[in-house]
Amino acid sequence: MSNNYDIKELREKIDRCKNMKLSDVSLDDVDEISSIKIDRRKSSNERILDFLRKTKNPYIFKVNNTLVRISFSNNDRTADDCLTSVLKNLYR
């Protein structure tokens, strides 16, 4: 699975994007969430990796030209759990 993805590059992207604020981003800098196509037949991990690879910023995107920033609370859920939940809800 990871042979198709540059994991180091994805980690760098996550690190670069995770602390960005909405005020640091313009609408042109992010993807419209409805335009991101993920293959539902892939495993959860592969769908997450696809999402990370395909998006300009995995934390900030637009929905009907409105900027949306996702964040994670400091609890027992991992980022993987949260992203998996988001992707499952979006692409069911």
C-alpha atoms as a PDB file:
ATOM      1  CA  MET A   1       0.000   0.000   0.000  1.00  0.00           C
ATOM      2  CA  SER A   2       2.561   2.627   1.024  1.00  0.00           C
ATOM      3  CA  ASN A   3       4.544   1.989  -2.166  1.00  0.00           C
ATOM      4  CA  ASN A   4       2.031   4.183  -3.998  1.00  0.00           C
ATOM      5  CA  TYR A   5       2.471   7.066  -1.561  1.00  0.00           C
ATOM      6  CA  ASP A   6       5.407   9.172  -0.500  1.00  0.00           C
ATOM      7  CA  ILE A   7       4.779   8.950   3.234  1.00  0.00           C
ATOM      8  CA  LYS A   8       7.563  11.396   4.066  1.00  0.00           C
ATOM      9  CA  GLU A   9       6.065  13.944   1.682  1.00  0.00           C
ATOM     10  CA  LEU A  10       2.583  13.441   3.183  1.00  0.00           C
ATOM     11  CA  ARG A  11       3.939  13.930   6.710  1.00  0.00           C
ATOM     12  CA  GLU A  12       5.664  17.138   5.643  1.00  0.00           C
ATOM     13  CA  LYS A  13       2.426  18.335   4.078  1.00  0.00           C
ATOM     14  CA  ILE A  14       0.512  17.596   7.282  1.00  0.00           C
ATOM     15  CA  ASP A  15       3.107  19.401   9.389  1.00  0.00           C
ATOM     16  CA  ARG A  16       3.062  22.401   7.064  1.00  0.00           C
ATOM     17  CA  CYS A  17      -0.736  22.619   6.951  1.00  0.00           C
ATOM     18  CA  LYS A  18      -1.856  21.714  10.459  1.00  0.00           C
ATOM     19  CA  ASN A  19      -1.147  25.088  12.055  1.00  0.00           C
ATOM     20  CA  MET A  20      -2.389  27.261   9.204  1.00  0.00           C
ATOM     21  CA  LYS A  21      -5.196  29.621  10.100  1.00  0.00           C
ATOM     22  CA  LEU A  22      -8.157  30.461   7.923  1.00  0.00           C
ATOM     23  CA  SER A  23      -6.872  34.012   7.740  1.00  0.00           C
ATOM     24  CA  ASP A  24      -3.669  32.689   6.106  1.00  0.00           C
ATOM     25  CA  VAL A  25      -5.570  31.053   3.252  1.00  0.00           C
ATOM     26  CA  SER A  26      -7.576  32.316   0.305  1.00  0.00           C
ATOM     27  CA  LEU A  27     -10.359  30.430  -1.431  1.00  0.00           C
ATOM     28  CA  ASP A  28      -8.038  29.754  -4.364  1.00  0.00           C
ATOM     29  CA  ASP A  29      -5.514  28.045  -2.073  1.00  0.00           C
ATOM     30  CA  VAL A  30      -7.802  25.168  -1.114  1.00  0.00           C
ATOM     31  CA  ASP A  31      -9.946  22.497  -2.730  1.00  0.00           C
ATOM     32  CA  GLU A  32     -13.713  22.370  -2.971  1.00  0.00           C
ATOM     33  CA  ILE A  33     -14.479  19.295  -0.860  1.00  0.00           C
ATOM     34  CA  SER A  34     -17.075  17.998  -3.339  1.00  0.00           C
ATOM     35  CA  SER A  35     -14.458  17.888  -6.103  1.00  0.00           C
ATOM     36  CA  ILE A  36     -12.194  15.478  -4.212  1.00  0.00           C
ATOM     37  CA  LYS A  37     -12.956  11.987  -5.447  1.00  0.00           C
ATOM     38  CA  ILE A  38     -11.919   9.026  -3.306  1.00  0.00           C
ATOM     39  CA  ASP A  39     -12.354   5.405  -4.353  1.00  0.00           C
ATOM     40  CA  ARG A  40     -14.727   3.829  -1.821  1.00  0.00           C
ATOM     41  CA  ARG A  41     -13.481   0.353  -2.656  1.00  0.00           C
ATOM     42  CA  LYS A  42     -10.120   1.076  -1.062  1.00  0.00           C
ATOM     43  CA  SER A  43      -9.323   0.356   2.565  1.00  0.00           C
ATOM     44  CA  SER A  44      -9.747   3.102   5.178  1.00  0.00           C
ATOM     45  CA  ASN A  45      -6.023   3.696   5.284  1.00  0.00           C
ATOM     46  CA  GLU A  46      -5.764   3.974   1.517  1.00  0.00           C
ATOM     47  CA  ARG A  47      -8.704   6.397   1.401  1.00  0.00           C
ATOM     48  CA  ILE A  48      -7.025   8.579   4.021  1.00  0.00           C
ATOM     49  CA  LEU A  49      -3.753   8.511   2.103  1.00  0.00           C
ATOM     50  CA  ASP A  50      -5.596   9.378  -1.117  1.00  0.00           C
ATOM     51  CA  PHE A  51      -7.327  12.282   0.597  1.00  0.00           C
ATOM     52  CA  LEU A  52      -4.024  13.573   1.967  1.00  0.00           C
ATOM     53  CA  ARG A  53      -2.345  13.225  -1.419  1.00  0.00           C
ATOM     54  CA  LYS A  54      -5.154  14.789  -3.446  1.00  0.00           C
ATOM     55  CA  THR A  55      -5.876  17.818  -1.275  1.00  0.00           C
ATOM     56  CA  LYS A  56      -3.880  21.015  -1.253  1.00  0.00           C
ATOM     57  CA  ASN A  57      -4.463  21.294   2.492  1.00  0.00           C
ATOM     58  CA  PRO A  58      -6.046  18.381   4.396  1.00  0.00           C
ATOM     59  CA  TYR A  59      -7.128  20.681   7.243  1.00  0.00           C
ATOM     60  CA  ILE A  60      -8.703  23.517   5.274  1.00  0.00           C
ATOM     61  CA  PHE A  61     -11.043  23.176   2.336  1.00  0.00           C
ATOM     62  CA  LYS A  62     -14.057  24.973   0.964  1.00  0.00           C
ATOM     63  CA  VAL A  63     -17.699  24.004   0.956  1.00  0.00           C
ATOM     64  CA  ASN A  64     -19.781  26.095  -1.443  1.00  0.00           C
ATOM     65  CA  ASN A  65     -17.092  28.803  -1.442  1.00  0.00           C
ATOM     66  CA  THR A  66     -16.930  28.924   2.362  1.00  0.00           C
ATOM     67  CA  LEU A  67     -13.624  28.107   4.024  1.00  0.00           C
ATOM     68  CA  VAL A  68     -13.796  25.277   6.544  1.00  0.00           C
ATOM     69  CA  ARG A  69     -11.006  24.259   8.893  1.00  0.00           C
ATOM     70  CA  ILE A  70     -11.073  20.925  10.660  1.00  0.00           C
ATOM     71  CA  SER A  71      -9.286  20.444  13.940  1.00  0.00           C
ATOM     72  CA  PHE A  72      -9.018  17.704  16.481  1.00  0.00           C
ATOM     73  CA  SER A  73      -9.692  17.949  20.179  1.00  0.00           C
ATOM     74  CA  ASN A  74      -7.196  16.648  22.682  1.00  0.00           C
ATOM     75  CA  ASN A  75      -8.840  13.329  23.522  1.00  0.00           C
ATOM     76  CA  ASP A  76      -8.288   9.632  22.953  1.00  0.00           C
ATOM     77  CA  ARG A  77      -9.288   9.729  19.270  1.00  0.00           C
ATOM     78  CA  THR A  78      -6.397   9.794  16.847  1.00  0.00           C
ATOM     79  CA  ALA A  79      -6.224  11.922  13.731  1.00  0.00           C
ATOM     80  CA  ASP A  80      -6.642   8.690  11.758  1.00  0.00           C
ATOM     81  CA  ASP A  81      -9.886   7.962  13.644  1.00  0.00           C
ATOM     82  CA  CYS A  82     -11.212  11.434  12.942  1.00  0.00           C
ATOM     83  CA  LEU A  83     -10.216  11.504   9.278  1.00  0.00           C
ATOM     84  CA  THR A  84     -11.621   8.025   8.763  1.00  0.00           C
ATOM     85  CA  SER A  85     -14.903   9.154  10.291  1.00  0.00           C
ATOM     86  CA  VAL A  86     -15.029  12.268   8.108  1.00  0.00           C
ATOM     87  CA  LEU A  87     -14.252  10.327   4.953  1.00  0.00           C
ATOM     88  CA  LYS A  88     -16.753   7.591   5.740  1.00  0.00           C
ATOM     89  CA  ASN A  89     -19.481  10.201   6.270  1.00  0.00           C
ATOM     90  CA  LEU A  90     -18.609  12.098   3.090  1.00  0.00           C
ATOM     91  CA  TYR A  91     -18.219   9.107   0.795  1.00  0.00           C
ATOM     92  CA  ARG A  92     -20.795   6.557   1.899  1.00  0.00           C
END
